[in-house]
Protein backbone atom coordinates (compact mmCIF):
# COMPACT_ATOMS: atom_id res chain seq x y z
CA MET A 1 -18.07 -13.14 4.04
CA GLN A 2 -14.82 -11.75 4.11
CA MET A 3 -14.39 -8.43 4.95
CA SER A 4 -11.15 -7.10 4.87
CA HIS A 5 -8.12 -9.24 5.16
CA PHE A 6 -6.89 -6.97 7.43
CA THR A 7 -6.75 -7.12 11.68
CA ALA A 8 -6.52 -4.05 13.47
CA GLU A 9 -3.49 -5.40 15.03
CA LYS A 10 -1.52 -5.97 11.10
CA LYS A 11 -2.53 -2.11 10.74
CA ALA A 12 -0.81 -0.65 13.47
CA ASN A 13 1.69 -3.43 12.59
CA ILE A 14 2.60 -1.18 9.40
CA PHE A 15 1.54 2.46 10.75
CA LYS A 16 4.91 1.80 13.37
CA ASN A 17 7.16 -0.07 10.97
CA PHE A 18 6.28 3.03 8.13
CA GLY A 19 4.67 5.50 9.86
CA GLY A 20 6.45 5.98 13.84
CA ASN A 21 3.50 4.96 15.73
CA GLU A 22 0.38 3.20 15.05
CA THR A 23 -1.45 6.47 15.32
CA ASN A 24 0.78 8.03 13.05
CA THR A 25 -1.98 7.06 10.26
CA GLY A 26 -1.34 10.21 7.84
CA SER A 27 1.55 9.98 7.23
CA ILE A 28 3.16 9.29 3.01
CA GLU A 29 5.49 6.01 3.88
CA ALA A 30 2.45 4.75 5.80
CA GLN A 31 -0.36 4.48 3.85
CA VAL A 32 2.12 3.27 0.14
CA ALA A 33 2.57 0.52 2.93
CA MET A 34 -1.40 -0.12 3.27
CA LEU A 35 -2.03 0.45 -0.36
CA THR A 36 0.98 -2.40 -1.07
CA GLU A 37 -0.17 -4.89 1.28
CA ARG A 38 -3.64 -4.45 -0.04
CA ILE A 39 -2.39 -4.21 -3.76
CA ASN A 40 -0.74 -7.49 -3.60
CA HIS A 41 -3.85 -9.46 -1.94
CA ILE A 42 -6.15 -7.86 -4.48
CA SER A 43 -3.23 -9.39 -7.12
CA GLY A 44 -3.69 -12.88 -5.05
CA HIS A 45 -7.34 -12.71 -5.69
CA LEU A 46 -7.40 -11.71 -9.12
CA LYS A 47 -5.00 -14.42 -10.31
CA THR A 48 -7.69 -17.04 -9.07
CA ASN A 49 -10.78 -14.15 -10.17
CA LYS A 50 -9.52 -13.70 -14.04
CA LYS A 51 -13.32 -12.41 -14.83
CA ASP A 52 -13.51 -9.78 -11.39
CA PHE A 53 -13.42 -6.84 -13.47
CA SER A 54 -14.55 -4.77 -11.41
CA THR A 55 -12.16 -5.70 -8.75
CA ASN A 56 -9.21 -5.16 -11.30
CA ARG A 57 -10.92 -0.67 -11.43
CA GLY A 58 -10.18 -1.06 -7.76
CA LEU A 59 -7.14 -2.54 -7.92
CA MET A 60 -6.14 -0.16 -11.12
CA SER A 61 -7.07 3.17 -9.04
CA MET A 62 -5.26 2.08 -6.02
CA VAL A 63 -2.00 0.99 -8.29
CA GLY A 64 -2.69 5.41 -9.49
CA ARG A 65 -3.35 6.50 -5.66
CA ARG A 66 0.03 5.27 -4.37
CA LYS A 67 2.28 5.68 -8.06
CA ARG A 68 0.56 9.21 -6.76
CA LEU A 69 2.11 9.47 -3.01
CA LEU A 70 5.15 7.74 -4.00
CA THR A 71 5.91 10.59 -6.53
CA TYR A 72 4.88 13.38 -3.84
CA LEU A 73 7.33 11.76 -0.97
CA SER A 74 10.19 11.76 -4.07
CA ASN A 75 9.49 15.31 -5.00
CA ASN A 76 9.73 16.43 -1.44
CA ASN A 77 11.72 13.99 0.71
CA LEU A 78 14.01 11.44 -1.87
CA ALA A 79 15.87 10.06 1.06
CA SER A 80 12.59 8.61 2.92
CA TYR A 81 11.22 7.62 -1.19
CA ARG A 82 14.31 5.81 -1.55
CA SER A 83 14.00 3.29 1.90
CA LEU A 84 10.57 3.02 1.06
CA ILE A 85 11.02 1.75 -2.22
CA GLU A 86 13.61 -0.37 -0.43
CA LYS A 87 11.17 -1.75 2.81
CA LEU A 88 8.56 -2.97 0.38
CA GLY A 89 10.53 -4.29 -2.95
CA LEU A 90 8.62 -1.56 -5.08
CA ARG A 91 10.38 -0.13 -8.12
CA LYS A 92 11.97 -4.10 -9.30
């Protein structure tokens, strides 16, 4: 049984790139980057398993959480929001 597709190094790398350092796991940018990584992974799973409705429900909740975090970030720090969108390739 596969637990998570994240290794500790991969998580630390995401937090370092988006949160400033490995221990800054609470920054909005790092949380959005982490959610985006998970959303992309689960989307790939759902392409092959179309009837996995419980995973689809979890994916929708993650997308909603990411949207709320991005809305908060755009209201409070627009420059950071724009650079994050650019880095992650969101909002085409």
